[in-house]
Amino acid sequence: MTLDRVSFLGLSMFNNNVFEVCDYIEENVIGKGYQYLITPNVDHLTRLNYEYSDDFYQAYLKASIIVNDSRILCKVSQLLKGNLTKFCPGSDLTVELLRRVKDKRVYIVGSNQKSVDIVQKKFKIKNIDFYSPPIGFIENQQECKKIAHLIKEFSPDLIVLAVGSPRQEQLALKLSNENLNALAICVGASIDFISGDVKRAPLVFQRCSLEWLYRIIQEPRRLFLRYFVCFFRLFKIIYRDVLNRKTNEAYLFDE
């Protein structure tokens, strides 16, 4: 099967759901060289537009699979009569992939021993290992080399990068130079959701595209200003997109 590529708000991504993406990965990706998957959301989109980082930008340019992690972007697309109609949440994608790779080798970067033990038991994965790098690891060349060495030594089929954005995307890009034969997925707190270390928003919040509100309620001091800035920037991106449509002007990754 193939994936359906679309372009929305200047970003090229695949317009497919979790099951379609996992089917594609099973058929075309696992065991066929190194590739990595990114799951953009509103935060990623605003960072790409307003907080330029060459490593983060290059990670997007060179990613094999980019899938929409955001219900909000789907809603915006609907309002703008765009062609982004499906979303593929990284946390759901992680669960579905782990269900399918119990006979494969899985390496997790991030998390902790307790969470990894829960993942192994829940999904009956025979071969799994992990390493939790220290804070600031992405700026430390020796630490990044250590991670690459550990992954090579384990020889995984699936690498779960769970160290938060933009570090996980930057690490995925670095690993592309290590001659690996694996798929790396950048999925943030997905392992912590599975283990119960972090509570995911209740289904009612998810279905109403209000996971962001649930997170603000949980951590108002840390997240209120961040989300306010993020949504303000999103409105500016939408406004620019409307103007660019009128002038047929491309920007960011739009083709």
Protein backbone atom coordinates (compact mmCIF):
# COMPACT_ATOMS: atom_id res chain seq x y z
CA MET A 1 0.00 0.00 0.00
CA THR A 2 0.97 3.66 -0.30
CA LEU A 3 0.35 6.68 1.90
CA ASP A 4 -1.58 9.76 0.83
CA ARG A 5 0.68 12.84 0.87
CA VAL A 6 -0.92 16.26 1.30
CA SER A 7 0.34 19.76 2.05
CA PHE A 8 -1.25 21.93 4.72
CA LEU A 9 -0.10 25.21 6.29
CA GLY A 10 3.20 24.87 4.47
CA LEU A 11 3.97 21.39 5.81
CA SER A 12 3.96 18.24 3.68
CA MET A 13 2.66 15.17 5.55
CA PHE A 14 0.71 11.96 5.08
CA ASN A 15 -3.07 12.06 5.42
CA ASN A 16 -3.59 8.61 6.95
CA ASN A 17 -4.88 7.10 10.18
CA VAL A 18 -3.03 4.89 12.68
CA PHE A 19 -3.93 1.57 11.07
CA GLU A 20 -3.07 2.70 7.55
CA VAL A 21 0.31 3.98 8.71
CA CYS A 22 1.07 0.78 10.64
CA ASP A 23 0.10 -1.37 7.64
CA TYR A 24 2.44 0.70 5.47
CA ILE A 25 5.26 0.35 8.00
CA GLU A 26 4.86 -3.42 8.21
CA GLU A 27 4.85 -3.80 4.44
CA ASN A 28 7.41 -1.21 3.36
CA VAL A 29 9.61 -0.03 6.23
CA ILE A 30 10.57 -2.56 8.93
CA GLY A 31 13.80 -4.33 7.98
CA LYS A 32 14.46 -2.10 4.96
CA GLY A 33 17.17 0.25 6.14
CA TYR A 34 17.03 3.19 8.52
CA GLN A 35 14.00 5.47 8.37
CA TYR A 36 12.34 7.71 10.91
CA LEU A 37 8.83 8.95 11.58
CA ILE A 38 7.77 12.34 12.95
CA THR A 39 4.36 13.25 14.38
CA PRO A 40 3.84 17.03 14.00
CA ASN A 41 1.30 18.94 16.07
CA VAL A 42 0.53 22.64 16.57
CA ASP A 43 3.64 23.07 18.74
CA HIS A 44 5.88 21.62 16.00
CA LEU A 45 4.27 23.80 13.34
CA THR A 46 4.72 27.02 15.31
CA ARG A 47 8.29 26.09 16.23
CA LEU A 48 9.17 25.48 12.59
CA ASN A 49 7.79 28.90 11.70
CA TYR A 50 8.98 31.01 14.62
CA GLU A 51 11.86 29.29 16.47
CA TYR A 52 14.24 28.33 13.70
CA SER A 53 16.58 25.45 14.53
CA ASP A 54 18.60 24.00 11.67
CA ASP A 55 18.66 20.48 13.17
CA PHE A 56 14.88 20.50 13.72
CA TYR A 57 14.24 21.87 10.23
CA GLN A 58 16.61 19.33 8.64
CA ALA A 59 14.96 16.53 10.63
CA TYR A 60 11.68 17.40 8.94
CA LEU A 61 13.25 17.67 5.51
CA LYS A 62 14.83 14.22 5.77
CA ALA A 63 12.05 12.33 7.60
CA SER A 64 10.68 9.32 5.73
CA ILE A 65 7.21 9.50 7.28
CA ILE A 66 5.45 12.60 8.65
CA VAL A 67 1.94 12.04 10.04
CA ASN A 68 -0.50 14.48 11.59
CA ASP A 69 -0.65 14.14 15.39
CA SER A 70 -3.21 16.90 15.89
CA ARG A 71 -6.99 16.93 15.87
CA ILE A 72 -6.78 20.73 15.95
CA LEU A 73 -4.98 20.81 12.60
CA CYS A 74 -7.76 18.63 11.16
CA LYS A 75 -10.36 21.11 12.45
CA VAL A 76 -8.44 24.02 10.97
CA SER A 77 -8.16 22.17 7.66
CA GLN A 78 -11.91 21.60 7.67
CA LEU A 79 -12.57 25.31 8.25
CA LEU A 80 -10.16 26.28 5.47
CA LYS A 81 -11.51 23.56 3.14
CA GLY A 82 -8.07 21.94 3.13
CA ASN A 83 -7.19 18.34 2.34
CA LEU A 84 -5.89 17.23 5.75
CA THR A 85 -8.74 15.04 6.98
CA LYS A 86 -7.08 12.31 9.07
CA PHE A 87 -4.88 12.30 12.14
CA CYS A 88 -2.48 9.74 13.56
CA PRO A 89 -1.76 10.42 17.27
CA GLY A 90 1.77 9.39 18.22
CA SER A 91 0.56 7.71 21.41
CA ASP A 92 -1.98 5.57 19.52
CA LEU A 93 0.56 4.81 16.81
CA THR A 94 3.04 3.60 19.45
CA VAL A 95 0.49 1.25 20.98
CA GLU A 96 -0.53 -0.22 17.62
CA LEU A 97 3.07 -0.67 16.46
CA LEU A 98 4.10 -2.35 19.73
CA ARG A 99 1.21 -4.77 19.31
CA ARG A 100 2.62 -5.76 15.93
CA VAL A 101 6.32 -6.12 16.79
CA LYS A 102 6.30 -8.55 19.72
CA ASP A 103 8.65 -10.86 17.80
CA LYS A 104 10.94 -7.97 16.80
CA ARG A 105 13.71 -6.20 18.69
CA VAL A 106 12.67 -2.90 20.32
CA TYR A 107 14.94 -0.23 21.78
CA ILE A 108 13.59 2.73 23.75
CA VAL A 109 15.52 5.97 24.26
CA GLY A 110 14.02 7.67 27.30
CA SER A 111 11.59 6.48 30.00
CA ASN A 112 12.66 4.24 32.93
CA GLN A 113 13.03 0.60 33.92
CA LYS A 114 9.57 0.35 35.51
CA SER A 115 7.82 1.72 32.43
CA VAL A 116 9.83 -0.48 30.05
CA ASP A 117 8.99 -3.57 32.13
CA ILE A 118 5.29 -2.68 31.90
CA VAL A 119 5.58 -2.23 28.11
CA GLN A 120 7.34 -5.59 27.74
CA LYS A 121 4.71 -7.40 29.80
CA LYS A 122 1.72 -5.64 28.20
CA PHE A 123 2.80 -6.30 24.61
CA LYS A 124 4.69 -9.58 25.21
CA ILE A 125 7.81 -8.23 23.51
CA LYS A 126 10.59 -10.81 23.65
CA ASN A 127 13.58 -8.51 23.08
CA ILE A 128 13.48 -5.01 24.51
CA ASP A 129 16.03 -2.67 26.08
CA PHE A 130 16.31 1.03 26.89
CA TYR A 131 18.61 3.87 27.81
CA SER A 132 17.56 7.09 29.51
CA PRO A 133 20.00 9.86 28.57
CA PRO A 134 20.77 12.77 30.91
CA ILE A 135 19.31 16.25 30.57
CA GLY A 136 21.07 18.20 27.83
CA PHE A 137 22.30 15.06 26.04
CA ILE A 138 21.51 16.37 22.56
CA GLU A 139 24.20 19.06 22.92
CA ASN A 140 26.76 16.49 24.13
CA GLN A 141 28.51 14.79 21.22
CA GLN A 142 29.90 11.97 23.37
CA GLU A 143 26.49 11.22 24.82
CA CYS A 144 24.94 11.07 21.35
CA LYS A 145 27.72 8.71 20.26
CA LYS A 146 27.00 6.54 23.31
CA ILE A 147 23.32 6.33 22.39
CA ALA A 148 24.19 5.37 18.82
CA HIS A 149 26.63 2.71 20.08
CA LEU A 150 24.05 1.20 22.45
CA ILE A 151 21.45 1.06 19.68
CA LYS A 152 23.90 -0.53 17.23
CA GLU A 153 24.92 -3.09 19.81
CA PHE A 154 21.31 -4.09 20.42
CA SER A 155 20.47 -4.11 16.68
CA PRO A 156 16.76 -3.23 16.97
CA ASP A 157 14.02 -3.35 14.37
CA LEU A 158 12.12 -0.51 16.07
CA ILE A 159 13.59 2.45 17.96
CA VAL A 160 11.19 4.42 20.16
CA LEU A 161 12.53 7.94 20.74
CA ALA A 162 10.71 9.21 23.82
CA VAL A 163 12.80 12.18 24.94
CA GLY A 164 10.54 15.05 23.92
CA SER A 165 10.60 17.47 21.01
CA PRO A 166 12.80 18.81 19.47
CA ARG A 167 15.44 16.49 21.01
CA GLN A 168 13.92 13.28 19.65
CA GLU A 169 13.69 14.64 16.10
CA GLN A 170 17.27 15.93 16.31
CA LEU A 171 18.42 12.53 17.55
CA ALA A 172 16.53 10.75 14.76
CA LEU A 173 18.42 12.90 12.27
CA LYS A 174 21.78 12.10 13.91
CA LEU A 175 21.03 8.37 13.81
CA SER A 176 20.57 8.54 10.04
CA ASN A 177 24.39 8.56 9.78
CA GLU A 178 24.85 5.35 11.81
CA ASN A 179 24.10 2.67 9.20
CA LEU A 180 21.17 1.22 11.17
CA ASN A 181 18.48 -1.12 9.89
CA ALA A 182 15.51 0.11 11.89
CA LEU A 183 12.54 2.43 12.02
CA ALA A 184 12.80 5.21 14.61
CA ILE A 185 9.56 6.83 15.81
CA CYS A 186 9.50 10.19 17.59
CA VAL A 187 6.62 9.85 20.03
CA GLY A 188 7.23 11.98 23.14
CA ALA A 189 5.48 10.75 26.28
CA SER A 190 3.82 7.72 24.65
CA ILE A 191 5.71 5.18 26.77
CA ASP A 192 4.77 7.09 29.94
CA PHE A 193 1.11 7.04 28.84
CA ILE A 194 1.26 3.27 28.37
CA SER A 195 2.88 2.67 31.76
CA GLY A 196 0.57 5.07 33.57
CA ASP A 197 3.41 7.36 34.72
CA VAL A 198 1.65 10.21 32.90
CA LYS A 199 -2.14 10.41 32.60
CA ARG A 200 -3.46 10.99 29.12
CA ALA A 201 -6.46 13.27 28.69
CA PRO A 202 -9.84 11.51 29.15
CA LEU A 203 -11.61 10.45 25.96
CA VAL A 204 -14.14 13.27 26.20
CA PHE A 205 -11.29 15.81 26.01
CA GLN A 206 -9.64 13.90 23.16
CA ARG A 207 -12.83 13.69 21.08
CA CYS A 208 -13.48 17.40 21.53
CA SER A 209 -9.90 18.29 20.49
CA LEU A 210 -9.26 19.62 24.00
CA GLU A 211 -6.25 17.58 25.15
CA TRP A 212 -4.34 20.87 25.33
CA LEU A 213 -6.91 22.22 27.82
CA TYR A 214 -6.58 19.11 29.98
CA ARG A 215 -2.81 19.59 30.09
CA ILE A 216 -3.21 23.25 31.10
CA ILE A 217 -5.56 22.20 33.91
CA GLN A 218 -2.94 19.69 35.09
CA GLU A 219 0.02 22.12 34.91
CA PRO A 220 -1.31 25.70 34.61
CA ARG A 221 1.84 27.54 35.71
CA ARG A 222 4.09 25.70 33.29
CA LEU A 223 1.78 25.46 30.27
CA PHE A 224 -0.64 28.41 30.19
CA LEU A 225 1.73 30.97 28.65
CA ARG A 226 3.32 28.38 26.36
CA TYR A 227 -0.07 27.36 24.90
CA PHE A 228 -1.25 30.96 24.64
CA VAL A 229 1.81 31.86 22.56
CA CYS A 230 1.43 28.65 20.53
CA PHE A 231 -2.19 29.36 19.54
CA PHE A 232 -1.48 33.03 18.84
CA ARG A 233 1.24 31.96 16.43
CA LEU A 234 -1.09 29.38 14.86
CA PHE A 235 -3.61 32.12 14.05
CA LYS A 236 -0.82 34.11 12.37
CA ILE A 237 0.20 31.05 10.34
CA ILE A 238 -3.42 30.53 9.25
CA TYR A 239 -3.70 34.19 8.23
CA ARG A 240 -0.49 33.93 6.22
CA ASP A 241 -1.74 30.74 4.58
CA VAL A 242 -4.94 32.46 3.44
CA LEU A 243 -2.89 35.32 1.94
CA ASN A 244 -0.49 32.90 0.25
CA ARG A 245 -3.38 31.01 -1.31
CA LYS A 246 -4.54 34.23 -2.93
CA THR A 247 -1.05 34.91 -4.33
CA ASN A 248 -0.12 31.24 -4.99
CA GLU A 249 3.04 31.77 -2.91
CA ALA A 250 4.63 28.70 -1.26
CA TYR A 251 6.45 28.69 2.07
CA LEU A 252 8.10 26.35 4.60
CA PHE A 253 7.95 22.79 3.14
CA ASP A 254 5.07 23.36 0.74
CA GLU A 255 5.66 21.90 -2.70
